[in-house]
PDB file of N, CA and C in Angstrom:
ATOM      1  N   UNK A   1     128.530  46.856  99.096  1.00  0.00           N
ATOM      2  CA  UNK A   1     126.744  46.955  99.059  1.00  0.00           C
ATOM      3  C   UNK A   1     125.995  45.525  98.706  1.00  0.00           C
ATOM      4  N   UNK A   2     126.630  45.244  97.746  1.00  0.00           N
ATOM      5  CA  UNK A   2     126.174  44.321  96.388  1.00  0.00           C
ATOM      6  C   UNK A   2     127.152  42.435  96.580  1.00  0.00           C
ATOM      7  N   UNK A   3     128.026  42.946  97.287  1.00  0.00           N
ATOM      8  CA  UNK A   3     128.365  41.351  97.690  1.00  0.00           C
ATOM      9  C   UNK A   3     128.126  41.426  99.223  1.00  0.00           C
ATOM     10  N   UNK A   4     127.508  42.263 100.143  1.00  0.00           N
ATOM     11  CA  UNK A   4     127.646  41.880 100.897  1.00  0.00           C
ATOM     12  C   UNK A   4     125.711  40.915 100.833  1.00  0.00           C
ATOM     13  N   UNK A   5     124.730  41.441  99.664  1.00  0.00           N
ATOM     14  CA  UNK A   5     123.504  40.647  99.369  1.00  0.00           C
ATOM     15  C   UNK A   5     123.890  39.955  98.546  1.00  0.00           C
ATOM     16  N   UNK A   6     124.343  39.621  97.731  1.00  0.00           N
ATOM     17  CA  UNK A   6     125.379  38.416  97.053  1.00  0.00           C
ATOM     18  C   UNK A   6     125.682  37.233  98.710  1.00  0.00           C
ATOM     19  N   UNK A   7     125.922  37.827  99.892  1.00  0.00           N
ATOM     20  CA  UNK A   7     126.522  36.470 100.631  1.00  0.00           C
ATOM     21  C   UNK A   7     125.330  36.375 101.241  1.00  0.00           C
ATOM     22  N   UNK A   8     124.739  37.206 101.041  1.00  0.00           N
ATOM     23  CA  UNK A   8     123.793  36.981 102.462  1.00  0.00           C
ATOM     24  C   UNK A   8     122.258  36.349 101.268  1.00  0.00           C
ATOM     25  N   UNK A   9     122.033  35.829 100.269  1.00  0.00           N
ATOM     26  CA  UNK A   9     121.498  35.238  99.727  1.00  0.00           C
ATOM     27  C   UNK A   9     121.939  33.862  99.775  1.00  0.00           C
ATOM     28  N   UNK A  10     122.911  33.834  99.123  1.00  0.00           N
ATOM     29  CA  UNK A  10     123.816  32.298  99.284  1.00  0.00           C
ATOM     30  C   UNK A  10     123.685  31.638 100.342  1.00  0.00           C
ATOM     31  N   UNK A  11     123.875  32.538 101.823  1.00  0.00           N
ATOM     32  CA  UNK A  11     123.416  31.753 103.060  1.00  0.00           C
ATOM     33  C   UNK A  11     121.696  31.270 103.594  1.00  0.00           C
ATOM     34  N   UNK A  12     121.172  32.395 103.085  1.00  0.00           N
ATOM     35  CA  UNK A  12     119.725  32.379 103.152  1.00  0.00           C
ATOM     36  C   UNK A  12     119.774  30.925 102.024  1.00  0.00           C
ATOM     37  N   UNK A  13     119.619  30.681 100.893  1.00  0.00           N
ATOM     38  CA  UNK A  13     118.823  30.201 100.079  1.00  0.00           C
ATOM     39  C   UNK A  13     119.953  28.400 101.150  1.00  0.00           C
ATOM     40  N   UNK A  14     121.036  29.147 101.306  1.00  0.00           N
ATOM     41  CA  UNK A  14     121.785  27.431 102.021  1.00  0.00           C
ATOM     42  C   UNK A  14     120.735  26.516 103.109  1.00  0.00           C
ATOM     43  N   UNK A  15     120.190  27.741 103.936  1.00  0.00           N
ATOM     44  CA  UNK A  15     119.560  27.500 104.881  1.00  0.00           C
ATOM     45  C   UNK A  15     117.671  26.991 104.535  1.00  0.00           C
ATOM     46  N   UNK A  16     117.197  27.774 103.607  1.00  0.00           N
ATOM     47  CA  UNK A  16     116.087  27.327 103.863  1.00  0.00           C
ATOM     48  C   UNK A  16     116.475  25.849 102.926  1.00  0.00           C
ATOM     49  N   UNK A  17     117.266  25.338 102.026  1.00  0.00           N
ATOM     50  CA  UNK A  17     117.387  24.108 101.728  1.00  0.00           C
ATOM     51  C   UNK A  17     117.825  23.703 102.104  1.00  0.00           C
ATOM     52  N   UNK A  18     118.343  23.397 104.238  1.00  0.00           N
ATOM     53  CA  UNK A  18     118.660  22.471 104.664  1.00  0.00           C
ATOM     54  C   UNK A  18     117.319  22.601 105.743  1.00  0.00           C
ATOM     55  N   UNK A  19     116.809  24.057 105.403  1.00  0.00           N
ATOM     56  CA  UNK A  19     115.318  23.118 106.820  1.00  0.00           C
ATOM     57  C   UNK A  19     114.012  22.549 105.940  1.00  0.00           C
ATOM     58  N   UNK A  20     113.902  23.006 104.026  1.00  0.00           N
ATOM     59  CA  UNK A  20     113.378  21.949 103.701  1.00  0.00           C
ATOM     60  C   UNK A  20     113.352  20.839 103.662  1.00  0.00           C
ATOM     61  N   UNK A  21     114.328  20.480 103.304  1.00  0.00           N
ATOM     62  CA  UNK A  21     115.037  18.926 102.861  1.00  0.00           C
ATOM     63  C   UNK A  21     114.638  18.204 104.431  1.00  0.00           C
ATOM     64  N   UNK A  22     115.113  18.933 105.068  1.00  0.00           N
ATOM     65  CA  UNK A  22     115.045  18.458 106.958  1.00  0.00           C
ATOM     66  C   UNK A  22     113.613  18.200 107.052  1.00  0.00           C
ATOM     67  N   UNK A  23     112.564  19.973 106.794  1.00  0.00           N
ATOM     68  CA  UNK A  23     110.793  18.828 106.630  1.00  0.00           C
ATOM     69  C   UNK A  23     110.032  17.644 106.169  1.00  0.00           C
ATOM     70  N   UNK A  24     111.321  17.791 104.599  1.00  0.00           N
ATOM     71  CA  UNK A  24     110.859  16.640 103.554  1.00  0.00           C
ATOM     72  C   UNK A  24     110.845  15.238 104.617  1.00  0.00           C
ATOM     73  N   UNK A  25     112.255  15.320 104.239  1.00  0.00           N
ATOM     74  CA  UNK A  25     113.072  14.112 104.844  1.00  0.00           C
ATOM     75  C   UNK A  25     111.506  13.687 106.167  1.00  0.00           C
ATOM     76  N   UNK A  26     111.762  14.189 106.992  1.00  0.00           N
ATOM     77  CA  UNK A  26     111.477  14.032 108.630  1.00  0.00           C
ATOM     78  C   UNK A  26     109.894  13.249 108.036  1.00  0.00           C
ATOM     79  N   UNK A  27     109.341  14.001 107.036  1.00  0.00           N
ATOM     80  CA  UNK A  27     107.958  13.312 106.017  1.00  0.00           C
ATOM     81  C   UNK A  27     108.024  12.174 105.650  1.00  0.00           C
ATOM     82  N   UNK A  28     108.839  11.436 105.326  1.00  0.00           N
ATOM     83  CA  UNK A  28     109.407  10.563 104.672  1.00  0.00           C
ATOM     84  C   UNK A  28     109.460   9.472 106.011  1.00  0.00           C
ATOM     85  N   UNK A  29     110.424   9.540 106.878  1.00  0.00           N
ATOM     86  CA  UNK A  29     110.449   9.290 107.475  1.00  0.00           C
ATOM     87  C   UNK A  29     109.606   8.958 108.067  1.00  0.00           C
ATOM     88  N   UNK A  30     108.609   9.863 108.739  1.00  0.00           N
ATOM     89  CA  UNK A  30     107.123   9.120 109.170  1.00  0.00           C
ATOM     90  C   UNK A  30     106.358   7.837 108.723  1.00  0.00           C
ATOM     91  N   UNK A  31     106.150   8.309 107.172  1.00  0.00           N
ATOM     92  CA  UNK A  31     105.463   7.989 106.435  1.00  0.00           C
ATOM     93  C   UNK A  31     106.395   6.287 106.405  1.00  0.00           C
ATOM     94  N   UNK A  32     107.235   6.240 106.282  1.00  0.00           N
ATOM     95  CA  UNK A  32     108.116   4.733 106.544  1.00  0.00           C
ATOM     96  C   UNK A  32     107.633   4.048 108.457  1.00  0.00           C
ATOM     97  N   UNK A  33     108.384   4.568 108.578  1.00  0.00           N
ATOM     98  CA  UNK A  33     107.474   4.101 110.260  1.00  0.00           C
ATOM     99  C   UNK A  33     106.142   3.910 110.348  1.00  0.00           C
ATOM    100  N   UNK A  34     105.411   4.796 109.405  1.00  0.00           N
ATOM    101  CA  UNK A  34     103.836   4.607 109.694  1.00  0.00           C
ATOM    102  C   UNK A  34     103.622   5.227 111.058  1.00  0.00           C
ATOM    103  N   UNK A  35     104.343   6.455 111.354  1.00  0.00           N
ATOM    104  CA  UNK A  35     103.798   7.259 112.952  1.00  0.00           C
ATOM    105  C   UNK A  35     103.573   8.478 111.616  1.00  0.00           C
ATOM    106  N   UNK A  36     101.980   9.387 112.290  1.00  0.00           N
ATOM    107  CA  UNK A  36     101.672  10.430 112.306  1.00  0.00           C
ATOM    108  C   UNK A  36     101.908  11.782 113.353  1.00  0.00           C
ATOM    109  N   UNK A  37     102.018  10.668 114.520  1.00  0.00           N
ATOM    110  CA  UNK A  37     103.165  11.888 114.989  1.00  0.00           C
ATOM    111  C   UNK A  37     104.855  12.515 114.289  1.00  0.00           C
ATOM    112  N   UNK A  38     105.368  11.424 113.897  1.00  0.00           N
ATOM    113  CA  UNK A  38     106.549  12.161 113.554  1.00  0.00           C
ATOM    114  C   UNK A  38     106.696  13.216 111.833  1.00  0.00           C
ATOM    115  N   UNK A  39     105.265  12.815 111.174  1.00  0.00           N
ATOM    116  CA  UNK A  39     105.306  13.377 110.460  1.00  0.00           C
ATOM    117  C   UNK A  39     104.120  15.077 110.913  1.00  0.00           C
ATOM    118  N   UNK A  40     103.776  14.844 111.963  1.00  0.00           N
ATOM    119  CA  UNK A  40     102.919  16.495 112.441  1.00  0.00           C
ATOM    120  C   UNK A  40     103.854  17.211 112.976  1.00  0.00           C
ATOM    121  N   UNK A  41     105.141  16.555 113.397  1.00  0.00           N
ATOM    122  CA  UNK A  41     105.843  17.124 114.325  1.00  0.00           C
ATOM    123  C   UNK A  41     107.223  18.003 113.499  1.00  0.00           C
ATOM    124  N   UNK A  42     106.894  17.332 112.030  1.00  0.00           N
ATOM    125  CA  UNK A  42     108.254  17.345 111.503  1.00  0.00           C
ATOM    126  C   UNK A  42     108.172  18.816 110.619  1.00  0.00           C
ATOM    127  N   UNK A  43     106.327  18.224 110.421  1.00  0.00           N
ATOM    128  CA  UNK A  43     105.215  19.832 109.401  1.00  0.00           C
ATOM    129  C   UNK A  43     105.628  20.587 110.510  1.00  0.00           C
ATOM    130  N   UNK A  44     105.158  20.510 112.463  1.00  0.00           N
ATOM    131  CA  UNK A  44     105.198  22.116 113.140  1.00  0.00           C
ATOM    132  C   UNK A  44     106.060  22.608 113.413  1.00  0.00           C
ATOM    133  N   UNK A  45     107.335  21.722 113.482  1.00  0.00           N
ATOM    134  CA  UNK A  45     108.738  22.079 113.118  1.00  0.00           C
ATOM    135  C   UNK A  45     109.578  22.644 112.283  1.00  0.00           C
ATOM    136  N   UNK A  46     109.267  22.509 111.202  1.00  0.00           N
ATOM    137  CA  UNK A  46     110.262  22.674 110.140  1.00  0.00           C
ATOM    138  C   UNK A  46     109.160  24.026 109.037  1.00  0.00           C
ATOM    139  N   UNK A  47     107.634  23.387 109.001  1.00  0.00           N
ATOM    140  CA  UNK A  47     107.022  24.717 108.085  1.00  0.00           C
ATOM    141  C   UNK A  47     107.701  26.038 107.437  1.00  0.00           C
ATOM    142  N   UNK A  48     107.016  26.574 109.108  1.00  0.00           N
ATOM    143  CA  UNK A  48     107.191  28.179 109.351  1.00  0.00           C
ATOM    144  C   UNK A  48     108.887  28.915 109.005  1.00  0.00           C
ATOM    145  N   UNK A  49     109.425  27.963 109.582  1.00  0.00           N
ATOM    146  CA  UNK A  49     111.205  28.069 109.398  1.00  0.00           C
ATOM    147  C   UNK A  49     111.122  28.564 107.187  1.00  0.00           C
ATOM    148  N   UNK A  50     111.222  27.505 106.824  1.00  0.00           N
ATOM    149  CA  UNK A  50     111.190  27.483 105.298  1.00  0.00           C
ATOM    150  C   UNK A  50     110.395  28.061 104.891  1.00  0.00           C
ATOM    151  N   UNK A  51     109.362  28.726 105.104  1.00  0.00           N
ATOM    152  CA  UNK A  51     108.426  29.276 104.172  1.00  0.00           C
ATOM    153  C   UNK A  51     109.443  30.755 105.319  1.00  0.00           C
ATOM    154  N   UNK A  52     109.284  31.400 105.752  1.00  0.00           N
ATOM    155  CA  UNK A  52     110.046  32.897 106.269  1.00  0.00           C
ATOM    156  C   UNK A  52     111.491  32.824 105.633  1.00  0.00           C
ATOM    157  N   UNK A  53     111.954  31.398 105.831  1.00  0.00           N
ATOM    158  CA  UNK A  53     113.640  31.964 104.741  1.00  0.00           C
ATOM    159  C   UNK A  53     113.878  31.736 103.546  1.00  0.00           C
ATOM    160  N   UNK A  54     112.355  31.126 102.864  1.00  0.00           N
ATOM    161  CA  UNK A  54     112.394  31.260 101.526  1.00  0.00           C
ATOM    162  C   UNK A  54     111.434  32.495 101.046  1.00  0.00           C
ATOM    163  N   UNK A  55     110.545  33.331 102.129  1.00  0.00           N
ATOM    164  CA  UNK A  55     110.360  34.625 101.414  1.00  0.00           C
ATOM    165  C   UNK A  55     111.647  36.230 101.378  1.00  0.00           C
ATOM    166  N   UNK A  56     112.521  35.365 102.620  1.00  0.00           N
ATOM    167  CA  UNK A  56     113.521  35.923 102.265  1.00  0.00           C
ATOM    168  C   UNK A  56     114.907  36.412 101.582  1.00  0.00           C
ATOM    169  N   UNK A  57     115.338  34.917 101.066  1.00  0.00           N
ATOM    170  CA  UNK A  57     116.266  35.114 100.042  1.00  0.00           C
ATOM    171  C   UNK A  57     115.593  35.429  98.329  1.00  0.00           C
ATOM    172  N   UNK A  58     113.938  34.753  98.746  1.00  0.00           N
ATOM    173  CA  UNK A  58     113.384  35.575  97.367  1.00  0.00           C
ATOM    174  C   UNK A  58     113.867  36.838  97.776  1.00  0.00           C
ATOM    175  N   UNK A  59     113.543  37.731  97.950  1.00  0.00           N
ATOM    176  CA  UNK A  59     113.064  38.809  98.908  1.00  0.00           C
ATOM    177  C   UNK A  59     114.852  39.655  98.365  1.00  0.00           C
ATOM    178  N   UNK A  60     116.261  38.758  98.572  1.00  0.00           N
ATOM    179  CA  UNK A  60     117.384  39.908  98.485  1.00  0.00           C
ATOM    180  C   UNK A  60     116.963  39.884  97.134  1.00  0.00           C
ATOM    181  N   UNK A  61     117.597  38.258  96.335  1.00  0.00           N
ATOM    182  CA  UNK A  61     117.234  37.255  95.430  1.00  0.00           C
ATOM    183  C   UNK A  61     116.826  38.490  94.335  1.00  0.00           C
ATOM    184  N   UNK A  62     115.423  38.807  94.972  1.00  0.00           N
ATOM    185  CA  UNK A  62     114.603  39.994  93.158  1.00  0.00           C
ATOM    186  C   UNK A  62     115.161  41.508  93.617  1.00  0.00           C
ATOM    187  N   UNK A  63     116.211  42.141  95.047  1.00  0.00           N
ATOM    188  CA  UNK A  63     116.193  43.239  95.302  1.00  0.00           C
ATOM    189  C   UNK A  63     117.548  43.046  94.408  1.00  0.00           C
ATOM    190  N   UNK A  64     118.478  42.055  94.255  1.00  0.00           N
ATOM    191  CA  UNK A  64     119.913  41.607  93.642  1.00  0.00           C
ATOM    192  C   UNK A  64     119.699  42.215  92.254  1.00  0.00           C
ATOM    193  N   UNK A  65     118.671  41.979  91.322  1.00  0.00           N
ATOM    194  CA  UNK A  65     118.752  42.265  90.798  1.00  0.00           C
ATOM    195  C   UNK A  65     118.521  43.743  89.905  1.00  0.00           C
ATOM    196  N   UNK A  66     118.153  44.563  91.217  1.00  0.00           N
ATOM    197  CA  UNK A  66     118.246  46.266  90.255  1.00  0.00           C
ATOM    198  C   UNK A  66     119.361  46.870  91.262  1.00  0.00           C
ATOM    199  N   UNK A  67     120.671  46.434  91.861  1.00  0.00           N
ATOM    200  CA  UNK A  67     121.809  46.935  92.783  1.00  0.00           C
ATOM    201  C   UNK A  67     122.534  46.908  91.658  1.00  0.00           C
ATOM    202  N   UNK A  68     123.890  47.416  91.235  1.00  0.00           N
ATOM    203  CA  UNK A  68     124.564  47.260  89.279  1.00  0.00           C
ATOM    204  C   UNK A  68     125.486  47.009  90.299  1.00  0.00           C
ATOM    205  N   UNK A  69     126.181  45.658  89.233  1.00  0.00           N
ATOM    206  CA  UNK A  69     127.817  45.548  89.291  1.00  0.00           C
ATOM    207  C   UNK A  69     128.472  46.997  89.091  1.00  0.00           C
ATOM    208  N   UNK A  70     129.435  46.990  89.760  1.00  0.00           N
ATOM    209  CA  UNK A  70     130.248  48.475  89.719  1.00  0.00           C
ATOM    210  C   UNK A  70     130.585  48.204  88.339  1.00  0.00           C
ATOM    211  N   UNK A  71     130.859  47.284  87.756  1.00  0.00           N
ATOM    212  CA  UNK A  71     131.933  47.600  85.598  1.00  0.00           C
ATOM    213  C   UNK A  71     129.937  48.214  84.847  1.00  0.00           C
ATOM    214  N   UNK A  72     129.380  47.776  86.072  1.00  0.00           N
ATOM    215  CA  UNK A  72     128.026  48.446  85.242  1.00  0.00           C
ATOM    216  C   UNK A  72     127.251  49.439  85.910  1.00  0.00           C
ATOM    217  N   UNK A  73     127.652  50.379  86.325  1.00  0.00           N
ATOM    218  CA  UNK A  73     127.003  51.512  86.352  1.00  0.00           C
ATOM    219  C   UNK A  73     127.686  53.066  85.752  1.00  0.00           C
ATOM    220  N   UNK A  74     128.131  52.905  84.418  1.00  0.00           N
ATOM    221  CA  UNK A  74     127.818  53.941  83.489  1.00  0.00           C
ATOM    222  C   UNK A  74     127.948  52.773  82.220  1.00  0.00           C
ATOM    223  N   UNK A  75     126.264  53.736  81.916  1.00  0.00           N
ATOM    224  CA  UNK A  75     125.909  52.748  81.290  1.00  0.00           C
ATOM    225  C   UNK A  75     126.130  53.819  79.510  1.00  0.00           C
ATOM    226  N   UNK A  76     127.468  54.742  79.894  1.00  0.00           N
ATOM    227  CA  UNK A  76     127.251  55.962  78.623  1.00  0.00           C
ATOM    228  C   UNK A  76     128.935  55.226  77.753  1.00  0.00           C
ATOM    229  N   UNK A  77     129.284  54.534  78.295  1.00  0.00           N
ATOM    230  CA  UNK A  77     130.896  54.410  77.806  1.00  0.00           C
ATOM    231  C   UNK A  77     130.651  52.483  77.213  1.00  0.00           C
ATOM    232  N   UNK A  78     128.655  52.302  76.904  1.00  0.00           N
ATOM    233  CA  UNK A  78     128.338  51.131  76.057  1.00  0.00           C
ATOM    234  C   UNK A  78     127.822  51.979  74.889  1.00  0.00           C
ATOM    235  N   UNK A  79     128.086  50.918  73.826  1.00  0.00           N
ATOM    236  CA  UNK A  79     127.553  51.831  72.801  1.00  0.00           C
ATOM    237  C   UNK A  79     126.407  50.729  72.136  1.00  0.00           C
ATOM    238  N   UNK A  80     125.605  51.559  71.455  1.00  0.00           N
ATOM    239  CA  UNK A  80     123.762  50.414  71.145  1.00  0.00           C
ATOM    240  C   UNK A  80     124.146  50.258  69.729  1.00  0.00           C
ATOM    241  N   UNK A  81     123.990  49.372  69.606  1.00  0.00           N
ATOM    242  CA  UNK A  81     123.785  49.812  67.776  1.00  0.00           C
ATOM    243  C   UNK A  81     122.126  49.769  67.464  1.00  0.00           C
ATOM    244  N   UNK A  82     121.551  49.946  66.432  1.00  0.00           N
ATOM    245  CA  UNK A  82     120.139  50.402  66.323  1.00  0.00           C
ATOM    246  C   UNK A  82     119.649  49.743  65.746  1.00  0.00           C
ATOM    247  N   UNK A  83     118.810  49.052  65.349  1.00  0.00           N
ATOM    248  CA  UNK A  83     118.039  47.893  64.791  1.00  0.00           C
ATOM    249  C   UNK A  83     118.443  47.898  63.260  1.00  0.00           C
ATOM    250  N   UNK A  84     118.394  49.110  62.599  1.00  0.00           N
ATOM    251  CA  UNK A  84     118.362  49.152  60.976  1.00  0.00           C
ATOM    252  C   UNK A  84     119.971  48.273  60.716  1.00  0.00           C
ATOM    253  N   UNK A  85     121.416  49.235  62.104  1.00  0.00           N
ATOM    254  CA  UNK A  85     122.568  48.632  61.720  1.00  0.00           C
ATOM    255  C   UNK A  85     123.229  47.005  61.734  1.00  0.00           C
ATOM    256  N   UNK A  86     122.198  46.591  62.334  1.00  0.00           N
ATOM    257  CA  UNK A  86     122.203  45.079  62.242  1.00  0.00           C
ATOM    258  C   UNK A  86     121.735  44.563  60.219  1.00  0.00           C
ATOM    259  N   UNK A  87     120.904  45.673  59.472  1.00  0.00           N
ATOM    260  CA  UNK A  87     120.155  44.955  58.637  1.00  0.00           C
ATOM    261  C   UNK A  87     122.157  44.728  58.020  1.00  0.00           C
ATOM    262  N   UNK A  88     122.122  45.965  57.432  1.00  0.00           N
ATOM    263  CA  UNK A  88     123.163  46.649  56.835  1.00  0.00           C
ATOM    264  C   UNK A  88     123.914  45.089  55.960  1.00  0.00           C
TER     265      UNK A  88
END
């Protein structure tokens, strides 16, 4: 399950960054060419997908924090030092 979530996170992150980059470059191109319609078209085309992708990859990343690694499933093997042990 964790491997699938990590793969999904990576794919969504790349899609989000690509969409955001296209949004910004479209707006920059509109500024350089002094075409307001190009700026608006870039915003209308890429704004909503960028926002949705950012929300999706954020939720997947947040949920990955709560899915334990296979090596961390047993906490009884780990001995924890108390605060007094480090002072001695």
